[in-house]
Amino acid sequence: MERVVHKAKSFKEADAWDRQQQLGMPPQQRIRVARVLQQRVFGPPKAIRTCLKST
């Protein structure tokens, strides 16, 4: 994933740039980015049986 830095002069400009960047990505790339961010926050996915297993 290529990192891009953009300095905005206002929150409104930053929000518009974010929206434009997201709309410019193909759907598969947006899904891939969402999965990477999800794994960074929540860690690797767990098996459903492990999650439902009672202790």
N, C-alpha and C. Protein backbone atom coordinates (compact mmCIF):
# COMPACT_ATOMS: atom_id res chain seq x y z
N MET A 1 0.85 -1.16 0.00
CA MET A 1 0.00 0.00 0.00
C MET A 1 0.90 1.24 0.00
N GLU A 2 0.68 2.11 -0.94
CA GLU A 2 1.47 3.33 -1.05
C GLU A 2 0.90 4.39 -0.11
N ARG A 3 1.77 5.02 0.64
CA ARG A 3 1.34 6.08 1.55
C ARG A 3 1.40 7.41 0.83
N VAL A 4 0.35 8.19 0.99
CA VAL A 4 0.26 9.50 0.37
C VAL A 4 0.00 10.52 1.46
N VAL A 5 0.74 11.62 1.43
CA VAL A 5 0.56 12.68 2.42
C VAL A 5 -0.02 13.89 1.71
N HIS A 6 -1.05 14.47 2.34
CA HIS A 6 -1.68 15.66 1.79
C HIS A 6 -1.91 16.63 2.94
N LYS A 7 -1.39 17.83 2.81
CA LYS A 7 -1.62 18.86 3.83
C LYS A 7 -2.75 19.75 3.36
N ALA A 8 -3.78 19.83 4.16
CA ALA A 8 -4.93 20.65 3.84
C ALA A 8 -4.92 21.93 4.67
N LYS A 9 -5.56 22.95 4.15
CA LYS A 9 -5.61 24.23 4.85
C LYS A 9 -6.81 24.32 5.79
N SER A 10 -7.77 23.39 5.62
CA SER A 10 -8.94 23.40 6.50
C SER A 10 -9.49 21.97 6.61
N PHE A 11 -10.36 21.77 7.59
CA PHE A 11 -10.99 20.46 7.75
C PHE A 11 -11.88 20.15 6.56
N LYS A 12 -12.54 21.16 6.03
CA LYS A 12 -13.43 20.96 4.89
C LYS A 12 -12.63 20.49 3.67
N GLU A 13 -11.48 21.11 3.45
CA GLU A 13 -10.63 20.72 2.32
C GLU A 13 -10.09 19.30 2.52
N ALA A 14 -9.71 18.96 3.74
CA ALA A 14 -9.20 17.62 4.04
C ALA A 14 -10.28 16.57 3.81
N ASP A 15 -11.51 16.87 4.24
CA ASP A 15 -12.61 15.95 4.06
C ASP A 15 -12.90 15.73 2.57
N ALA A 16 -12.89 16.80 1.80
CA ALA A 16 -13.13 16.70 0.36
C ALA A 16 -12.04 15.87 -0.31
N TRP A 17 -10.79 16.04 0.10
CA TRP A 17 -9.69 15.29 -0.48
C TRP A 17 -9.82 13.80 -0.14
N ASP A 18 -10.19 13.50 1.12
CA ASP A 18 -10.39 12.10 1.52
C ASP A 18 -11.48 11.44 0.68
N ARG A 19 -12.58 12.13 0.50
CA ARG A 19 -13.69 11.58 -0.29
C ARG A 19 -13.28 11.35 -1.74
N GLN A 20 -12.57 12.30 -2.30
CA GLN A 20 -12.12 12.17 -3.68
C GLN A 20 -11.16 10.98 -3.83
N GLN A 21 -10.27 10.81 -2.87
CA GLN A 21 -9.32 9.70 -2.92
C GLN A 21 -10.05 8.36 -2.80
N GLN A 22 -11.02 8.26 -1.92
CA GLN A 22 -11.76 7.01 -1.75
C GLN A 22 -12.60 6.68 -2.97
N LEU A 23 -13.21 7.68 -3.56
CA LEU A 23 -14.01 7.44 -4.76
C LEU A 23 -13.15 7.07 -5.96
N GLY A 24 -11.89 7.47 -5.95
CA GLY A 24 -10.99 7.15 -7.05
C GLY A 24 -10.44 5.73 -6.99
N MET A 25 -10.61 5.06 -5.84
CA MET A 25 -10.11 3.69 -5.70
C MET A 25 -11.13 2.70 -6.26
N PRO A 26 -10.64 1.64 -6.90
CA PRO A 26 -11.58 0.59 -7.32
C PRO A 26 -12.15 -0.12 -6.08
N PRO A 27 -13.33 -0.73 -6.20
CA PRO A 27 -13.96 -1.38 -5.04
C PRO A 27 -13.07 -2.43 -4.36
N GLN A 28 -12.34 -3.22 -5.14
CA GLN A 28 -11.49 -4.25 -4.54
C GLN A 28 -10.39 -3.63 -3.68
N GLN A 29 -9.87 -2.51 -4.09
CA GLN A 29 -8.82 -1.85 -3.31
C GLN A 29 -9.40 -1.28 -2.01
N ARG A 30 -10.62 -0.74 -2.08
CA ARG A 30 -11.25 -0.23 -0.85
C ARG A 30 -11.49 -1.35 0.15
N ILE A 31 -11.91 -2.52 -0.35
CA ILE A 31 -12.13 -3.67 0.53
C ILE A 31 -10.82 -4.13 1.14
N ARG A 32 -9.76 -4.16 0.33
CA ARG A 32 -8.44 -4.59 0.83
C ARG A 32 -7.95 -3.63 1.92
N VAL A 33 -8.12 -2.33 1.71
CA VAL A 33 -7.70 -1.34 2.70
C VAL A 33 -8.50 -1.50 3.99
N ALA A 34 -9.81 -1.72 3.86
CA ALA A 34 -10.65 -1.91 5.04
C ALA A 34 -10.21 -3.13 5.84
N ARG A 35 -9.86 -4.21 5.15
CA ARG A 35 -9.40 -5.42 5.85
C ARG A 35 -8.07 -5.20 6.56
N VAL A 36 -7.16 -4.48 5.92
CA VAL A 36 -5.86 -4.19 6.56
C VAL A 36 -6.08 -3.37 7.82
N LEU A 37 -6.92 -2.34 7.74
CA LEU A 37 -7.19 -1.51 8.91
C LEU A 37 -7.88 -2.31 10.01
N GLN A 38 -8.81 -3.19 9.62
CA GLN A 38 -9.51 -4.02 10.59
C GLN A 38 -8.54 -4.94 11.33
N GLN A 39 -7.59 -5.52 10.60
CA GLN A 39 -6.61 -6.41 11.24
C GLN A 39 -5.67 -5.63 12.15
N ARG A 40 -5.34 -4.40 11.78
CA ARG A 40 -4.47 -3.59 12.64
C ARG A 40 -5.16 -3.27 13.96
N VAL A 41 -6.47 -3.03 13.91
CA VAL A 41 -7.20 -2.64 15.13
C VAL A 41 -7.57 -3.86 15.96
N PHE A 42 -8.13 -4.90 15.32
CA PHE A 42 -8.67 -6.04 16.05
C PHE A 42 -7.79 -7.29 16.03
N GLY A 43 -6.69 -7.27 15.29
CA GLY A 43 -5.82 -8.44 15.19
C GLY A 43 -6.34 -9.40 14.13
N PRO A 44 -5.63 -10.52 13.97
CA PRO A 44 -6.05 -11.48 12.94
C PRO A 44 -7.40 -12.10 13.29
N PRO A 45 -8.16 -12.50 12.27
CA PRO A 45 -9.49 -13.08 12.54
C PRO A 45 -9.37 -14.40 13.29
N LYS A 46 -10.35 -14.66 14.15
CA LYS A 46 -10.38 -15.90 14.92
C LYS A 46 -11.38 -16.85 14.28
N ALA A 47 -11.18 -18.13 14.51
CA ALA A 47 -12.12 -19.13 14.02
C ALA A 47 -13.44 -18.97 14.76
N ILE A 48 -14.55 -19.12 14.05
CA ILE A 48 -15.87 -18.91 14.64
C ILE A 48 -16.12 -19.90 15.77
N ARG A 49 -15.60 -21.12 15.65
CA ARG A 49 -15.81 -22.11 16.71
C ARG A 49 -15.11 -21.69 18.00
N THR A 50 -13.96 -21.04 17.87
CA THR A 50 -13.24 -20.56 19.05
C THR A 50 -14.04 -19.45 19.74
N CYS A 51 -14.64 -18.58 18.95
CA CYS A 51 -15.40 -17.48 19.51
C CYS A 51 -16.66 -17.94 20.22
N LEU A 52 -17.31 -19.00 19.68
CA LEU A 52 -18.56 -19.47 20.24
C LEU A 52 -18.37 -20.50 21.34
N LYS A 53 -17.15 -20.95 21.55
CA LYS A 53 -16.85 -21.97 22.55
C LYS A 53 -17.09 -21.40 23.94
N SER A 54 -17.89 -22.11 24.73
CA SER A 54 -18.16 -21.64 26.10
C SER A 54 -17.02 -22.05 27.01
N THR A 55 -16.75 -21.22 27.99
CA THR A 55 -15.62 -21.49 28.91
C THR A 55 -16.09 -22.11 30.19
